[in-house]
N, C-alpha and C. Protein backbone atom coordinates (compact mmCIF):
# COMPACT_ATOMS: atom_id res chain seq x y z
N MET A 1 0.84 -1.18 0.00
CA MET A 1 0.00 0.00 0.00
C MET A 1 0.88 1.23 0.00
N ALA A 2 0.54 2.20 -0.80
CA ALA A 2 1.34 3.41 -0.86
C ALA A 2 0.45 4.63 -0.68
N ALA A 3 0.89 5.51 0.16
CA ALA A 3 0.27 6.82 0.33
C ALA A 3 1.41 7.76 0.65
N ASP A 4 1.34 8.97 0.19
CA ASP A 4 2.42 9.91 0.38
C ASP A 4 2.78 10.03 1.85
N GLY A 5 4.03 9.76 2.16
CA GLY A 5 4.51 9.92 3.53
C GLY A 5 4.19 8.76 4.44
N LEU A 6 3.72 7.65 3.92
CA LEU A 6 3.39 6.50 4.75
C LEU A 6 4.10 5.24 4.25
N THR A 7 4.55 4.46 5.20
CA THR A 7 5.03 3.11 4.91
C THR A 7 4.08 2.17 5.61
N THR A 8 3.56 1.18 4.88
CA THR A 8 2.61 0.23 5.43
C THR A 8 3.11 -1.18 5.18
N ILE A 9 3.15 -1.97 6.25
CA ILE A 9 3.69 -3.32 6.21
C ILE A 9 2.63 -4.30 6.72
N LYS A 10 2.43 -5.39 6.00
CA LYS A 10 1.51 -6.43 6.43
C LYS A 10 2.13 -7.18 7.60
N SER A 11 1.31 -7.45 8.61
CA SER A 11 1.79 -8.18 9.77
C SER A 11 1.39 -9.65 9.70
N ALA A 12 2.25 -10.49 10.20
CA ALA A 12 1.98 -11.92 10.29
C ALA A 12 1.16 -12.25 11.54
N TYR A 13 0.84 -11.23 12.32
CA TYR A 13 0.19 -11.43 13.61
C TYR A 13 -1.14 -10.69 13.68
N SER A 14 -1.91 -11.01 14.71
CA SER A 14 -3.15 -10.28 14.97
C SER A 14 -2.80 -8.85 15.39
N ALA A 15 -3.79 -8.00 15.40
CA ALA A 15 -3.55 -6.61 15.82
C ALA A 15 -3.03 -6.53 17.25
N PRO A 16 -3.64 -7.23 18.23
CA PRO A 16 -3.11 -7.14 19.59
C PRO A 16 -1.67 -7.66 19.71
N GLU A 17 -1.37 -8.77 19.03
CA GLU A 17 -0.01 -9.31 19.09
C GLU A 17 0.98 -8.39 18.39
N THR A 18 0.58 -7.81 17.27
CA THR A 18 1.47 -6.88 16.58
C THR A 18 1.77 -5.69 17.48
N MET A 19 0.75 -5.15 18.16
CA MET A 19 0.99 -4.02 19.06
C MET A 19 1.89 -4.43 20.23
N ALA A 20 1.68 -5.60 20.79
CA ALA A 20 2.52 -6.06 21.90
C ALA A 20 3.97 -6.20 21.44
N ARG A 21 4.17 -6.75 20.25
CA ARG A 21 5.52 -6.91 19.71
C ARG A 21 6.15 -5.55 19.41
N LEU A 22 5.33 -4.62 18.88
CA LEU A 22 5.81 -3.27 18.59
C LEU A 22 6.30 -2.59 19.86
N GLU A 23 5.47 -2.61 20.89
CA GLU A 23 5.84 -1.94 22.14
C GLU A 23 7.08 -2.58 22.76
N ALA A 24 7.16 -3.90 22.74
CA ALA A 24 8.33 -4.59 23.29
C ALA A 24 9.60 -4.24 22.50
N ALA A 25 9.49 -4.13 21.18
CA ALA A 25 10.65 -3.79 20.34
C ALA A 25 11.10 -2.36 20.61
N VAL A 26 10.16 -1.45 20.79
CA VAL A 26 10.51 -0.05 21.10
C VAL A 26 11.29 0.00 22.41
N ILE A 27 10.79 -0.67 23.42
CA ILE A 27 11.45 -0.67 24.73
C ILE A 27 12.82 -1.34 24.64
N ALA A 28 12.91 -2.44 23.90
CA ALA A 28 14.18 -3.15 23.74
C ALA A 28 15.23 -2.29 23.05
N LYS A 29 14.79 -1.36 22.20
CA LYS A 29 15.72 -0.46 21.51
C LYS A 29 16.13 0.72 22.41
N GLY A 30 15.60 0.75 23.64
CA GLY A 30 15.97 1.82 24.56
C GLY A 30 15.19 3.10 24.35
N MET A 31 14.09 3.02 23.62
CA MET A 31 13.26 4.19 23.37
C MET A 31 12.15 4.26 24.40
N SER A 32 11.54 5.42 24.50
CA SER A 32 10.42 5.62 25.42
C SER A 32 9.09 5.51 24.69
N VAL A 33 8.12 4.92 25.37
CA VAL A 33 6.74 4.93 24.88
C VAL A 33 6.08 6.13 25.56
N PHE A 34 5.65 7.09 24.76
CA PHE A 34 5.04 8.31 25.30
C PHE A 34 3.53 8.19 25.42
N ALA A 35 2.91 7.44 24.51
CA ALA A 35 1.46 7.28 24.56
C ALA A 35 1.05 6.05 23.75
N HIS A 36 -0.07 5.49 24.16
CA HIS A 36 -0.68 4.36 23.46
C HIS A 36 -2.15 4.72 23.37
N ILE A 37 -2.63 4.91 22.15
CA ILE A 37 -4.01 5.36 21.94
C ILE A 37 -4.78 4.26 21.20
N ASP A 38 -5.77 3.72 21.87
CA ASP A 38 -6.62 2.68 21.30
C ASP A 38 -7.85 3.36 20.71
N HIS A 39 -7.79 3.67 19.42
CA HIS A 39 -8.89 4.37 18.75
C HIS A 39 -10.18 3.54 18.76
N ALA A 40 -10.05 2.22 18.64
CA ALA A 40 -11.24 1.37 18.63
C ALA A 40 -11.94 1.40 19.97
N ALA A 41 -11.19 1.42 21.06
CA ALA A 41 -11.79 1.52 22.39
C ALA A 41 -12.48 2.86 22.56
N GLY A 42 -11.87 3.91 22.05
CA GLY A 42 -12.50 5.23 22.11
C GLY A 42 -13.81 5.26 21.34
N ALA A 43 -13.80 4.66 20.17
CA ALA A 43 -15.02 4.59 19.37
C ALA A 43 -16.10 3.79 20.09
N ALA A 44 -15.71 2.67 20.66
CA ALA A 44 -16.67 1.84 21.39
C ALA A 44 -17.27 2.61 22.56
N GLY A 45 -16.47 3.47 23.17
CA GLY A 45 -16.94 4.26 24.29
C GLY A 45 -18.06 5.22 23.95
N VAL A 46 -18.18 5.55 22.68
CA VAL A 46 -19.27 6.43 22.24
C VAL A 46 -20.26 5.68 21.34
N GLY A 47 -20.19 4.33 21.41
CA GLY A 47 -21.15 3.51 20.69
C GLY A 47 -20.92 3.38 19.19
N LEU A 48 -19.70 3.63 18.74
CA LEU A 48 -19.40 3.52 17.31
C LEU A 48 -18.46 2.35 17.05
N PRO A 49 -18.71 1.61 15.98
CA PRO A 49 -17.81 0.49 15.66
C PRO A 49 -16.55 0.98 14.95
N LEU A 50 -15.44 0.35 15.26
CA LEU A 50 -14.18 0.61 14.56
C LEU A 50 -13.32 -0.64 14.72
N ARG A 51 -12.84 -1.16 13.58
CA ARG A 51 -11.93 -2.30 13.64
C ARG A 51 -10.70 -1.90 14.45
N PRO A 52 -9.91 -2.87 14.92
CA PRO A 52 -8.71 -2.53 15.68
C PRO A 52 -7.89 -1.44 14.99
N THR A 53 -7.64 -0.37 15.71
CA THR A 53 -6.88 0.79 15.21
C THR A 53 -6.16 1.36 16.43
N ASP A 54 -4.87 1.07 16.54
CA ASP A 54 -4.11 1.31 17.76
C ASP A 54 -2.83 2.07 17.43
N LEU A 55 -2.63 3.21 18.08
CA LEU A 55 -1.49 4.08 17.79
C LEU A 55 -0.49 4.05 18.94
N LEU A 56 0.79 3.88 18.62
CA LEU A 56 1.86 3.97 19.60
C LEU A 56 2.72 5.18 19.24
N ILE A 57 2.96 6.05 20.23
CA ILE A 57 3.82 7.22 20.05
C ILE A 57 5.07 6.96 20.87
N PHE A 58 6.23 7.01 20.23
CA PHE A 58 7.47 6.60 20.88
C PHE A 58 8.67 7.33 20.30
N GLY A 59 9.77 7.26 20.99
CA GLY A 59 10.99 7.85 20.45
C GLY A 59 12.04 8.06 21.51
N SER A 60 13.00 8.88 21.13
CA SER A 60 14.11 9.21 22.00
C SER A 60 14.51 10.66 21.72
N PRO A 61 14.64 11.46 22.75
CA PRO A 61 15.08 12.84 22.53
C PRO A 61 16.42 12.92 21.79
N LYS A 62 17.26 11.88 21.97
CA LYS A 62 18.54 11.86 21.25
C LYS A 62 18.35 11.82 19.75
N GLY A 63 17.29 11.15 19.30
CA GLY A 63 17.03 11.05 17.86
C GLY A 63 16.25 12.22 17.32
N GLY A 64 15.19 12.61 18.02
CA GLY A 64 14.30 13.64 17.50
C GLY A 64 14.77 15.07 17.70
N THR A 65 15.51 15.33 18.77
CA THR A 65 15.91 16.70 19.06
C THR A 65 16.75 17.32 17.94
N PRO A 66 17.74 16.61 17.38
CA PRO A 66 18.51 17.23 16.29
C PRO A 66 17.64 17.65 15.10
N VAL A 67 16.59 16.88 14.83
CA VAL A 67 15.70 17.24 13.73
C VAL A 67 14.95 18.53 14.09
N MET A 68 14.45 18.61 15.31
CA MET A 68 13.72 19.80 15.74
C MET A 68 14.65 21.00 15.93
N GLN A 69 15.93 20.77 16.24
CA GLN A 69 16.89 21.88 16.29
C GLN A 69 17.08 22.47 14.90
N SER A 70 16.99 21.62 13.88
CA SER A 70 17.11 22.08 12.51
C SER A 70 15.87 22.87 12.10
N VAL A 71 14.69 22.31 12.39
CA VAL A 71 13.41 22.94 12.05
C VAL A 71 12.41 22.55 13.14
N GLN A 72 12.03 23.51 13.95
CA GLN A 72 11.15 23.20 15.08
C GLN A 72 9.79 22.65 14.68
N THR A 73 9.31 22.99 13.50
CA THR A 73 7.98 22.48 13.09
C THR A 73 7.97 20.97 12.94
N ALA A 74 9.13 20.34 12.87
CA ALA A 74 9.18 18.87 12.82
C ALA A 74 8.56 18.27 14.08
N GLY A 75 8.46 19.06 15.13
CA GLY A 75 7.85 18.59 16.37
C GLY A 75 6.39 18.21 16.21
N ILE A 76 5.73 18.65 15.15
CA ILE A 76 4.35 18.23 14.90
C ILE A 76 4.30 16.77 14.47
N ASP A 77 5.38 16.27 13.88
CA ASP A 77 5.46 14.89 13.39
C ASP A 77 6.31 13.99 14.28
N LEU A 78 6.93 14.57 15.29
CA LEU A 78 7.75 13.81 16.22
C LEU A 78 7.13 13.92 17.60
N PRO A 79 7.26 12.94 18.45
CA PRO A 79 8.00 11.70 18.28
C PRO A 79 7.38 10.81 17.20
N LEU A 80 8.09 9.73 16.93
CA LEU A 80 7.63 8.78 15.93
C LEU A 80 6.31 8.15 16.36
N LYS A 81 5.56 7.71 15.38
CA LYS A 81 4.27 7.07 15.63
C LYS A 81 4.15 5.85 14.72
N ALA A 82 3.46 4.83 15.23
CA ALA A 82 3.15 3.66 14.41
C ALA A 82 1.70 3.28 14.70
N LEU A 83 0.96 3.04 13.64
CA LEU A 83 -0.44 2.66 13.73
C LEU A 83 -0.58 1.19 13.37
N VAL A 84 -1.17 0.42 14.28
CA VAL A 84 -1.49 -0.98 14.01
C VAL A 84 -2.99 -1.01 13.76
N TRP A 85 -3.37 -1.57 12.60
CA TRP A 85 -4.79 -1.55 12.24
C TRP A 85 -5.16 -2.81 11.47
N GLN A 86 -6.44 -3.10 11.51
CA GLN A 86 -6.96 -4.28 10.84
C GLN A 86 -7.92 -3.84 9.74
N ASP A 87 -7.71 -4.38 8.53
CA ASP A 87 -8.59 -4.00 7.42
C ASP A 87 -9.87 -4.83 7.43
N GLU A 88 -10.74 -4.56 6.45
CA GLU A 88 -12.04 -5.22 6.39
C GLU A 88 -11.94 -6.72 6.15
N ALA A 89 -10.80 -7.19 5.64
CA ALA A 89 -10.59 -8.62 5.41
C ALA A 89 -9.97 -9.31 6.63
N GLY A 90 -9.72 -8.55 7.69
CA GLY A 90 -9.13 -9.11 8.90
C GLY A 90 -7.62 -9.16 8.89
N ILE A 91 -6.99 -8.53 7.90
CA ILE A 91 -5.53 -8.50 7.81
C ILE A 91 -5.02 -7.34 8.66
N THR A 92 -3.95 -7.61 9.40
CA THR A 92 -3.34 -6.59 10.26
C THR A 92 -2.19 -5.92 9.53
N TRP A 93 -2.11 -4.60 9.69
CA TRP A 93 -1.09 -3.77 9.05
C TRP A 93 -0.43 -2.88 10.09
N LEU A 94 0.79 -2.47 9.80
CA LEU A 94 1.51 -1.49 10.60
C LEU A 94 1.89 -0.35 9.66
N THR A 95 1.54 0.87 10.03
CA THR A 95 1.81 2.04 9.19
C THR A 95 2.57 3.08 10.00
N TYR A 96 3.57 3.72 9.35
CA TYR A 96 4.32 4.80 10.00
C TYR A 96 4.81 5.80 8.96
N ASN A 97 5.17 6.98 9.45
CA ASN A 97 5.80 7.99 8.60
C ASN A 97 7.30 7.74 8.59
N PRO A 98 7.91 7.54 7.43
CA PRO A 98 9.36 7.38 7.37
C PRO A 98 10.06 8.66 7.85
N PRO A 99 11.10 8.54 8.66
CA PRO A 99 11.81 9.74 9.12
C PRO A 99 12.30 10.64 7.98
N ALA A 100 12.71 10.06 6.86
CA ALA A 100 13.16 10.90 5.74
C ALA A 100 12.01 11.75 5.20
N TRP A 101 10.80 11.22 5.21
CA TRP A 101 9.64 11.99 4.77
C TRP A 101 9.40 13.15 5.73
N ILE A 102 9.52 12.87 7.04
CA ILE A 102 9.35 13.94 8.03
C ILE A 102 10.37 15.05 7.79
N ALA A 103 11.63 14.66 7.59
CA ALA A 103 12.68 15.65 7.35
C ALA A 103 12.41 16.45 6.08
N GLU A 104 12.01 15.75 5.03
CA GLU A 104 11.71 16.44 3.77
C GLU A 104 10.52 17.38 3.92
N ARG A 105 9.50 16.93 4.60
CA ARG A 105 8.29 17.74 4.80
C ARG A 105 8.63 19.08 5.45
N HIS A 106 9.58 19.05 6.39
CA HIS A 106 9.90 20.25 7.15
C HIS A 106 11.18 20.94 6.67
N GLY A 107 11.89 20.33 5.73
CA GLY A 107 13.14 20.91 5.26
C GLY A 107 14.24 20.82 6.32
N ALA A 108 14.21 19.77 7.12
CA ALA A 108 15.19 19.58 8.19
C ALA A 108 16.52 19.11 7.61
N ASP A 109 17.59 19.61 8.19
CA ASP A 109 18.94 19.22 7.80
C ASP A 109 19.58 18.53 9.01
N ALA A 110 19.28 17.25 9.18
CA ALA A 110 19.80 16.48 10.31
C ALA A 110 19.96 15.04 9.85
N GLN A 111 20.81 14.85 8.85
CA GLN A 111 20.92 13.55 8.19
C GLN A 111 21.33 12.42 9.12
N ALA A 112 22.25 12.66 10.06
CA ALA A 112 22.67 11.59 10.96
C ALA A 112 21.50 11.13 11.83
N ALA A 113 20.73 12.07 12.33
CA ALA A 113 19.57 11.72 13.16
C ALA A 113 18.53 10.98 12.34
N ILE A 114 18.28 11.44 11.13
CA ILE A 114 17.29 10.79 10.26
C ILE A 114 17.73 9.37 9.93
N HIS A 115 19.01 9.20 9.66
CA HIS A 115 19.55 7.87 9.36
C HIS A 115 19.35 6.95 10.55
N GLY A 116 19.65 7.41 11.75
CA GLY A 116 19.49 6.60 12.95
C GLY A 116 18.04 6.25 13.21
N MET A 117 17.14 7.23 13.06
CA MET A 117 15.71 6.97 13.28
C MET A 117 15.17 5.99 12.24
N THR A 118 15.65 6.10 11.01
CA THR A 118 15.20 5.20 9.94
C THR A 118 15.58 3.76 10.25
N GLY A 119 16.82 3.55 10.63
CA GLY A 119 17.25 2.20 10.98
C GLY A 119 16.46 1.63 12.14
N ALA A 120 16.21 2.48 13.13
CA ALA A 120 15.47 2.02 14.32
C ALA A 120 14.03 1.65 13.97
N ILE A 121 13.33 2.52 13.26
CA ILE A 121 11.91 2.23 13.00
C ILE A 121 11.75 1.06 12.03
N GLU A 122 12.67 0.91 11.09
CA GLU A 122 12.60 -0.23 10.18
C GLU A 122 12.82 -1.54 10.94
N ALA A 123 13.78 -1.56 11.87
CA ALA A 123 14.04 -2.76 12.66
C ALA A 123 12.86 -3.06 13.58
N ILE A 124 12.32 -2.04 14.21
CA ILE A 124 11.17 -2.21 15.10
C ILE A 124 9.97 -2.74 14.32
N ALA A 125 9.71 -2.18 13.16
CA ALA A 125 8.58 -2.63 12.33
C ALA A 125 8.76 -4.09 11.92
N ALA A 126 9.97 -4.48 11.57
CA ALA A 126 10.23 -5.87 11.19
C ALA A 126 9.97 -6.82 12.35
N ILE A 127 10.42 -6.45 13.54
CA ILE A 127 10.19 -7.29 14.71
C ILE A 127 8.70 -7.41 15.00
N ALA A 128 7.98 -6.33 14.87
CA ALA A 128 6.54 -6.32 15.18
C ALA A 128 5.71 -7.12 14.19
N THR A 129 6.14 -7.20 12.94
CA THR A 129 5.28 -7.78 11.90
C THR A 129 5.74 -9.08 11.30
N SER A 130 7.00 -9.43 11.43
CA SER A 130 7.57 -10.56 10.69
C SER A 130 7.74 -11.79 11.57
N GLU A 131 7.32 -12.94 11.05
CA GLU A 131 7.50 -14.20 11.77
C GLU A 131 8.96 -14.56 11.93
N SER A 132 9.82 -14.09 11.03
CA SER A 132 11.23 -14.45 11.09
C SER A 132 12.00 -13.59 12.09
N SER A 133 11.38 -12.50 12.56
CA SER A 133 12.04 -11.64 13.54
C SER A 133 11.63 -12.04 14.94
N THR A 134 12.54 -11.88 15.86
CA THR A 134 12.23 -12.20 17.26
C THR A 134 12.22 -10.91 18.07
N ARG A 135 11.64 -11.00 19.23
CA ARG A 135 11.59 -9.83 20.11
C ARG A 135 12.93 -9.51 20.58
């Protein structure tokens, strides 16, 4: 699936397991989990149906601060976020904004930080979604 500024990866796991693996991988990488937003639970709270749609906001000031030092508006897209969601066919997906897209969107000049964030989020996404990756 392609949409401007989004990377979407099919998961080999259910939505709850993908989220659990995602959160564990973030913590294992030494990053902080800042928020976990269960959109489906919020929808259910007001009587509306929504397939699993779960957002994790995470990162490290070491990675994101250099980008925001370059261009403070990057703070609207940082910390990093990953959305675990289930489509109408019951397939689970993980979607995130690539750090290079965030940098390009804001005109940030922080290539070392972007490179580090890219490697981290790609590794985390692989652990969360792939049967061949371990926690």
